[in-house]
Amino acid sequence: MRTCFAWLSSSSARNGLAELSQIAIDKLTVAPTAKLGGVIGEADDALLFRVSRALALLFHVV
């Protein structure tokens, strides 16, 4: 069984999203730094809290 956490995130100048977007967390993976692009935007504290909570639940830390 695969666990996935998903929610919607509104667009804003701060986060760099152009429209309402879906965010999903279902696995972690490693990406080489050379393959990463520039900064698009940044997440607010509420979104980071939801991401942290989803990762904790995914890895059964809580």
Protein backbone atom coordinates (compact mmCIF):
# COMPACT_ATOMS: atom_id res chain seq x y z
CA MET A 1 0.00 0.00 0.00
CA ARG A 2 1.35 3.42 -0.95
CA THR A 3 0.70 6.42 1.24
CA CYS A 4 0.37 9.83 -0.37
CA PHE A 5 -0.37 13.21 1.14
CA ALA A 6 -1.75 15.90 -1.18
CA TRP A 7 -3.25 19.36 -0.89
CA LEU A 8 -3.81 22.51 -2.91
CA SER A 9 -1.61 25.60 -2.76
CA SER A 10 -2.69 29.04 -3.96
CA SER A 11 -0.55 31.11 -6.26
CA SER A 12 1.31 34.14 -4.90
CA ALA A 13 4.29 36.32 -5.75
CA ARG A 14 6.18 34.78 -2.83
CA ASN A 15 5.81 31.10 -3.79
CA GLY A 16 6.23 31.65 -7.53
CA LEU A 17 3.18 29.57 -8.50
CA ALA A 18 1.25 30.96 -11.47
CA GLU A 19 -2.03 29.24 -10.59
CA LEU A 20 -3.67 27.00 -7.98
CA SER A 21 -1.42 23.94 -7.79
CA GLN A 22 -1.49 20.47 -6.29
CA ILE A 23 1.32 19.39 -4.02
CA ALA A 24 1.84 15.70 -3.28
CA ILE A 25 4.31 13.86 -1.08
CA ASP A 26 4.67 10.14 -1.62
CA LYS A 27 8.42 9.44 -1.58
CA LEU A 28 11.83 10.99 -1.08
CA THR A 29 14.49 10.90 -3.73
CA VAL A 30 17.96 12.31 -4.18
CA ALA A 31 18.76 14.68 -7.05
CA PRO A 32 22.26 15.82 -7.99
CA THR A 33 22.81 19.51 -7.25
CA ALA A 34 23.91 20.06 -10.86
CA LYS A 35 20.42 19.04 -12.05
CA LEU A 36 18.61 21.60 -9.87
CA GLY A 37 17.51 24.87 -11.45
CA GLY A 38 17.22 28.33 -9.96
CA VAL A 39 14.89 29.37 -7.17
CA ILE A 40 11.28 29.81 -8.33
CA GLY A 41 9.82 30.99 -5.03
CA GLU A 42 9.57 30.01 -1.39
CA ALA A 43 7.00 28.24 0.74
CA ASP A 44 5.30 29.97 3.65
CA ASP A 45 5.41 28.61 7.20
CA ALA A 46 1.97 26.99 6.97
CA LEU A 47 2.94 24.99 3.87
CA LEU A 48 6.27 23.94 5.38
CA PHE A 49 4.43 22.74 8.49
CA ARG A 50 2.10 20.60 6.33
CA VAL A 51 5.08 19.18 4.42
CA SER A 52 6.93 18.37 7.66
CA ARG A 53 3.85 16.71 9.10
CA ALA A 54 3.29 14.65 5.94
CA LEU A 55 6.91 13.46 5.94
CA ALA A 56 6.69 12.51 9.62
CA LEU A 57 3.54 10.48 8.94
CA LEU A 58 5.03 8.92 5.82
CA PHE A 59 8.05 7.70 7.77
CA HIS A 60 6.00 6.75 10.85
CA VAL A 61 7.90 9.18 13.08
CA VAL A 62 4.73 10.23 14.90
